Protein backbone atom coordinates (compact mmCIF):
# COMPACT_ATOMS: atom_id res chain seq x y z
CA MET A 1 89.32 161.72 -145.72
CA ARG A 2 89.48 160.22 -142.22
CA ASP A 3 86.41 158.98 -140.41
CA ASN A 4 85.51 160.46 -137.12
CA PRO A 5 86.40 158.03 -134.39
CA GLN A 6 83.46 159.00 -132.19
CA VAL A 7 80.97 158.36 -134.93
CA SER A 8 82.43 154.91 -135.53
CA ALA A 9 82.11 153.94 -131.89
CA VAL A 10 78.50 154.98 -131.82
CA LEU A 11 77.77 152.88 -134.85
CA LEU A 12 79.42 149.85 -133.33
CA ASP A 13 77.39 150.24 -130.19
CA GLN A 14 74.19 150.48 -132.17
CA GLN A 15 75.06 147.35 -134.14
CA HIS A 16 75.80 145.44 -130.97
CA ASP A 17 72.54 146.46 -129.35
CA SER A 18 70.54 145.56 -132.41
CA GLN A 19 71.61 141.85 -132.31
CA PRO A 20 68.84 139.45 -130.98
CA LEU A 21 69.17 137.93 -127.36
CA THR A 22 69.83 134.18 -126.93
CA PRO A 23 66.77 132.38 -125.43
CA LEU A 24 68.83 129.54 -123.70
CA PRO A 25 68.88 130.96 -120.20
CA ALA A 26 65.05 131.29 -120.09
CA LEU A 27 64.54 127.72 -121.33
CA GLY A 28 66.83 126.35 -118.60
CA ARG A 29 64.94 128.16 -115.94
CA GLY A 30 61.62 126.79 -117.23
CA LEU A 31 62.86 123.23 -117.23
CA THR A 32 64.20 123.61 -113.73
CA MET A 33 60.91 124.94 -112.45
CA THR A 34 58.98 122.18 -114.21
CA LEU A 35 61.17 119.45 -112.73
CA THR A 36 60.95 121.00 -109.30
CA ALA A 37 57.17 121.18 -109.52
CA ALA A 38 57.01 117.58 -110.69
CA LEU A 39 59.18 116.41 -107.82
CA ILE A 40 57.08 118.33 -105.33
CA SER A 41 53.87 116.90 -106.81
CA PHE A 42 55.29 113.37 -106.68
CA ALA A 43 56.38 113.86 -103.11
CA LEU A 44 52.95 115.18 -102.15
CA PHE A 45 51.29 112.25 -103.91
CA GLN A 46 53.45 109.76 -102.03
CA LEU A 47 52.78 111.54 -98.76
CA MET A 48 49.02 111.48 -99.34
CA ALA A 49 49.15 107.80 -100.28
CA GLN A 50 50.97 106.99 -97.05
CA LEU A 51 48.45 109.03 -95.06
CA VAL A 52 45.56 107.16 -96.67
CA GLN A 53 47.18 103.80 -95.93
CA SER A 54 47.87 104.74 -92.33
CA THR A 55 44.27 105.85 -91.71
CA ALA A 56 42.70 102.79 -93.38
CA PRO A 57 41.18 100.33 -90.83
CA ILE A 58 43.39 97.37 -90.07
CA THR A 59 41.54 94.07 -90.03
CA ALA A 60 43.26 90.93 -88.98
CA LYS A 61 41.98 87.48 -88.15
CA VAL A 62 42.71 86.57 -84.58
CA ASP A 63 42.31 82.98 -83.49
CA THR A 64 41.07 82.71 -79.92
CA VAL A 65 42.57 79.79 -78.09
CA PHE A 66 41.15 78.83 -74.71
CA ASP A 67 43.65 77.10 -72.50
CA VAL A 68 41.53 75.09 -70.12
CA THR A 69 43.52 74.25 -67.04
CA PRO A 70 41.80 72.12 -64.40
CA LEU A 71 41.41 73.95 -61.17
CA VAL A 72 43.33 72.15 -58.49
CA PRO A 73 42.20 73.12 -55.00
CA ARG A 74 44.98 74.59 -53.04
CA GLU A 75 45.95 72.42 -50.18
CA GLU A 76 45.25 73.89 -46.86
CA SER A 77 48.18 74.85 -44.83
CA ALA A 78 49.47 72.31 -42.42
CA ALA A 79 48.48 74.56 -39.58
CA LYS A 80 44.80 74.25 -40.47
CA LYS A 81 45.02 70.49 -40.70
CA ILE A 82 46.47 70.01 -37.28
CA ILE A 83 43.71 68.72 -35.06
CA ARG A 84 44.44 68.07 -31.48
CA GLU A 85 43.30 64.57 -30.70
CA ILE A 86 42.92 63.42 -27.15
CA PRO A 87 43.27 59.66 -26.99
CA PRO A 88 40.23 58.01 -25.46
CA PRO A 89 40.72 56.46 -22.06
CA PRO A 90 41.57 52.78 -22.22
CA VAL A 91 38.60 50.51 -21.96
CA PRO A 92 38.89 48.60 -18.72
CA GLN A 93 39.05 44.89 -19.23
CA LEU A 94 38.60 42.24 -16.64
CA ILE A 95 40.65 39.22 -15.84
CA PRO A 96 38.87 36.30 -17.53
CA LYS A 97 37.66 34.47 -14.47
CA LEU A 98 34.25 32.89 -14.24
CA THR A 99 33.13 30.39 -11.69
CA VAL A 100 29.44 29.54 -11.89
CA PRO A 101 28.04 26.37 -10.35
CA THR A 102 25.70 24.38 -12.54
CA SER A 103 23.12 24.45 -9.80
CA ALA A 104 22.03 27.00 -7.25
CA GLU A 105 21.04 25.99 -3.78
CA PRO A 106 20.37 28.16 -0.74
CA GLY A 107 23.68 29.30 0.69
CA ASP A 108 25.65 28.66 -2.52
CA LEU A 109 27.99 31.51 -3.43
CA LEU A 110 28.45 32.34 -7.09
CA ASP A 111 31.74 34.17 -7.79
CA VAL A 112 31.17 36.07 -11.03
CA PRO A 113 33.69 38.64 -12.38
CA ILE A 114 32.13 41.59 -14.16
CA SER A 115 33.25 42.86 -17.57
CA ALA A 116 33.52 46.58 -18.18
CA GLN A 117 32.30 46.08 -21.76
CA GLN A 118 28.88 44.93 -20.60
CA PRO A 119 28.44 41.81 -22.77
CA VAL A 120 25.24 39.85 -22.53
CA MET A 121 25.81 36.19 -21.78
CA SER A 122 23.29 33.40 -22.07
CA LEU A 123 23.87 30.26 -20.08
CA GLN A 124 21.82 27.42 -21.42
CA GLY A 125 20.86 24.73 -18.91
CA PRO A 126 18.69 21.65 -19.08
CA THR A 127 15.22 22.05 -20.51
CA LEU A 128 12.07 21.81 -18.43
CA GLU A 129 11.17 18.53 -20.09
CA THR A 130 12.33 16.48 -17.12
CA PRO A 131 10.54 13.22 -16.34
CA ALA A 132 8.16 13.36 -13.40
CA GLY A 133 9.59 12.23 -10.12
CA HIS A 134 13.04 13.69 -10.82
CA ASP A 135 14.42 16.66 -8.90
CA LYS A 136 16.71 19.29 -10.43
CA ALA A 137 18.33 22.41 -9.01
CA ALA A 138 17.86 25.85 -10.55
CA THR A 139 20.09 26.54 -13.54
CA PRO A 140 21.05 30.01 -14.84
CA LEU A 141 19.73 30.66 -18.34
CA VAL A 142 20.41 34.36 -18.99
CA ARG A 143 22.91 36.47 -17.11
CA ILE A 144 23.24 40.21 -17.79
CA GLU A 145 26.60 41.55 -16.68
CA PRO A 146 26.47 44.90 -14.89
CA LYS A 147 28.02 48.07 -16.24
CA TYR A 148 31.31 49.19 -14.78
CA PRO A 149 30.74 52.57 -13.09
CA PRO A 150 32.54 55.25 -15.16
CA ALA A 151 34.07 56.94 -12.12
CA ALA A 152 35.44 53.64 -10.82
CA ALA A 153 36.81 52.72 -14.23
CA ARG A 154 38.42 56.14 -14.60
CA ASP A 155 40.04 55.94 -11.16
CA GLY A 156 41.06 52.30 -11.57
CA VAL A 157 38.94 51.07 -8.65
CA ASN A 158 38.37 47.33 -8.26
CA GLY A 159 35.86 45.75 -5.92
CA TRP A 160 33.10 43.22 -5.34
CA VAL A 161 29.49 43.00 -4.18
CA ARG A 162 27.86 40.05 -2.40
CA LEU A 163 24.11 39.77 -3.00
CA ARG A 164 21.23 37.68 -1.68
CA PHE A 165 18.21 36.94 -3.87
CA ASN A 166 15.27 34.61 -4.49
CA ILE A 167 14.23 32.73 -7.61
CA ALA A 168 10.52 32.64 -8.38
CA ALA A 169 8.77 29.59 -9.80
CA ASP A 170 8.87 31.16 -13.26
CA GLY A 171 12.64 31.71 -13.09
CA ARG A 172 12.63 35.44 -12.28
CA VAL A 173 15.07 36.90 -9.74
CA THR A 174 13.36 38.70 -6.85
CA ASP A 175 14.16 40.30 -3.50
CA VAL A 176 17.74 41.33 -4.32
CA LYS A 177 19.70 42.64 -1.32
CA VAL A 178 23.31 43.66 -0.75
CA LEU A 179 25.02 41.64 1.97
CA ALA A 180 28.49 43.15 1.71
CA ALA A 181 30.57 45.20 -0.69
CA GLU A 182 34.12 46.46 -1.06
CA PRO A 183 34.38 49.37 -1.45
CA ARG A 184 30.96 50.24 -0.09
CA ARG A 185 28.32 51.91 -2.27
CA VAL A 186 30.54 52.02 -5.36
CA PHE A 187 29.29 48.99 -7.27
CA ASP A 188 26.06 48.27 -5.35
CA GLN A 189 23.52 49.84 -7.73
CA GLU A 190 25.00 48.34 -10.90
CA ALA A 191 25.27 44.92 -9.31
CA MET A 192 21.64 44.94 -8.11
CA ARG A 193 20.33 46.27 -11.43
CA ALA A 194 22.10 43.51 -13.35
CA LEU A 195 21.05 40.68 -11.03
CA LYS A 196 17.37 41.64 -11.29
CA ASN A 197 17.60 40.94 -15.04
CA TRP A 198 18.99 37.45 -14.64
CA LYS A 199 16.83 34.51 -15.68
CA TYR A 200 16.90 30.99 -14.23
CA GLN A 201 15.40 27.67 -15.05
CA PRO A 202 13.62 27.07 -11.73
CA LYS A 203 14.22 24.17 -9.45
CA LEU A 204 12.17 21.06 -10.14
CA GLU A 205 10.68 18.88 -7.42
CA ASN A 206 8.75 15.86 -8.58
CA GLY A 207 8.71 17.42 -12.05
CA ARG A 208 7.20 20.73 -10.87
CA ALA A 209 8.93 24.13 -10.77
CA VAL A 210 9.29 25.56 -7.29
CA ALA A 211 10.61 28.84 -5.93
CA GLN A 212 13.89 29.17 -4.07
CA SER A 213 15.05 31.70 -1.52
CA ASP A 214 18.16 32.95 0.22
CA LEU A 215 20.53 32.35 -2.69
CA GLU A 216 23.79 34.28 -2.71
CA VAL A 217 26.09 35.48 -5.47
CA GLN A 218 29.23 37.59 -5.48
CA LEU A 219 29.95 39.89 -8.42
CA ASP A 220 33.60 40.90 -8.75
CA PHE A 221 34.55 44.17 -10.47
CA ARG A 222 38.17 44.01 -11.59
CA LEU A 223 40.08 46.01 -14.16
CA ASP A 224 42.70 44.41 -16.33
CA GLN A 225 45.93 46.15 -15.33
CA GLN A 226 47.95 44.67 -18.20
CA GLY A 227 49.10 47.15 -20.93
């Protein structure tokens, strides 16, 4: 008796369906998910660690070094240092000429050049300790040279003044008068002012000091033209 082919096919299908399923595909998926989760967790952990390190305060020791450089004052520009200097006018100097008699008698003329630098000269003569009965003419002791008038020195003016004066018994110069001058009224005042300050050892007659009158002196004002 032949089996029915349809019934056999149904039985085969039932047998095939009744066999248990293989669990391998499910296990592979679980392992894959586990590994993926582990990798993600590790990556998150590393990321958090880096974030913590980046936000942590950074402390470092810094050595402060002070470079002390001496302050050198800056030189002023040459323009500020330029100072216009006007050379002073040359000081007039006189030709060294001096002719002074050792004695002064009425009518004697003393030719005295005047220095523009106004030095004070002392002429020492004999002392008053002269034996009685001896006569001696007046001797100049102190002579003050007059000042050279600034205007005359500036303009290069030379000149002279002739004066008449008396010598008192105590050696003072009195009664100074101008006899002549060239140029007029340029050197007169300075010549008179200087002569009034002169000092003489008075004339001695029989050992006694006596006054003298009508003595003359000429004061020359000359500039040194050399240089």
